[in-house]
Amino acid sequence: MSLADRDLLRYGLVLVWLLTAICNAWELDGQSYALLLAGGIADPLLANVPVWSGAALDLTLGVL
């Protein structure tokens, strides 16, 4: 595998992480939020914590 191929794969992975972070923030009241509420988390503010944490982690990995 050449150096250019490795760079292309690395940038592709960065793009996936950044797009995942954007999608998590965009769909804050989406399926993940509904699943957490259906799973027994009664407080809506508490259900936002794992969604935002996942978005922050994806953003951090993409930037690093």
Protein backbone atom coordinates (compact mmCIF):
# COMPACT_ATOMS: atom_id res chain seq x y z
CA MET A 1 0.00 0.00 0.00
CA SER A 2 1.46 3.32 -1.02
CA LEU A 3 1.65 6.44 1.10
CA ALA A 4 -1.00 8.13 -1.05
CA ASP A 5 -3.40 5.24 -0.44
CA ARG A 6 -2.86 5.48 3.31
CA ASP A 7 -3.51 9.22 3.24
CA LEU A 8 -6.70 8.69 1.24
CA LEU A 9 -7.94 6.12 3.75
CA ARG A 10 -7.03 8.39 6.67
CA TYR A 11 -8.91 11.35 5.16
CA GLY A 12 -11.87 9.12 4.43
CA LEU A 13 -12.00 8.03 8.06
CA VAL A 14 -11.72 11.65 9.21
CA LEU A 15 -14.63 12.54 6.95
CA VAL A 16 -16.74 9.71 8.37
CA TRP A 17 -16.08 10.85 11.96
CA LEU A 18 -16.84 14.48 11.19
CA LEU A 19 -20.03 13.65 9.30
CA THR A 20 -21.14 11.36 12.12
CA ALA A 21 -20.65 14.18 14.62
CA ILE A 22 -22.70 16.53 12.44
CA CYS A 23 -25.47 13.95 12.01
CA ASN A 24 -25.61 13.30 15.76
CA ALA A 25 -25.97 17.01 16.49
CA TRP A 26 -28.46 17.52 13.66
CA GLU A 27 -30.71 14.64 14.73
CA LEU A 28 -30.64 15.44 18.43
CA ASP A 29 -34.32 14.57 18.80
CA GLY A 30 -34.03 11.59 16.45
CA GLN A 31 -33.89 7.83 16.87
CA SER A 32 -31.11 7.73 19.46
CA TYR A 33 -32.99 10.12 21.70
CA ALA A 34 -36.24 8.17 21.29
CA LEU A 35 -34.45 4.89 22.01
CA LEU A 36 -32.97 6.27 25.22
CA LEU A 37 -36.37 7.54 26.36
CA ALA A 38 -37.99 4.19 25.50
CA GLY A 39 -35.22 2.40 27.37
CA GLY A 40 -36.21 3.95 30.65
CA ILE A 41 -34.47 7.32 30.88
CA ALA A 42 -37.30 9.50 32.15
CA ASP A 43 -35.53 12.87 32.10
CA PRO A 44 -35.25 14.31 28.56
CA LEU A 45 -32.22 16.40 29.54
CA LEU A 46 -30.45 13.29 30.78
CA ALA A 47 -31.21 11.54 27.49
CA ASN A 48 -29.34 14.29 25.64
CA VAL A 49 -26.08 13.59 27.48
CA PRO A 50 -25.13 10.35 25.63
CA VAL A 51 -26.16 11.83 22.28
CA TRP A 52 -24.04 14.95 22.75
CA SER A 53 -21.19 12.91 24.22
CA GLY A 54 -21.15 10.69 21.15
CA ALA A 55 -21.12 13.73 18.87
CA ALA A 56 -18.29 15.29 20.86
CA LEU A 57 -16.27 12.07 20.75
CA ASP A 58 -16.74 11.75 16.98
CA LEU A 59 -15.74 15.37 16.51
CA THR A 60 -12.66 14.91 18.70
CA LEU A 61 -11.56 11.80 16.80
CA GLY A 62 -12.11 13.54 13.47
CA VAL A 63 -10.05 16.56 14.48
CA LEU A 64 -7.23 14.49 15.95
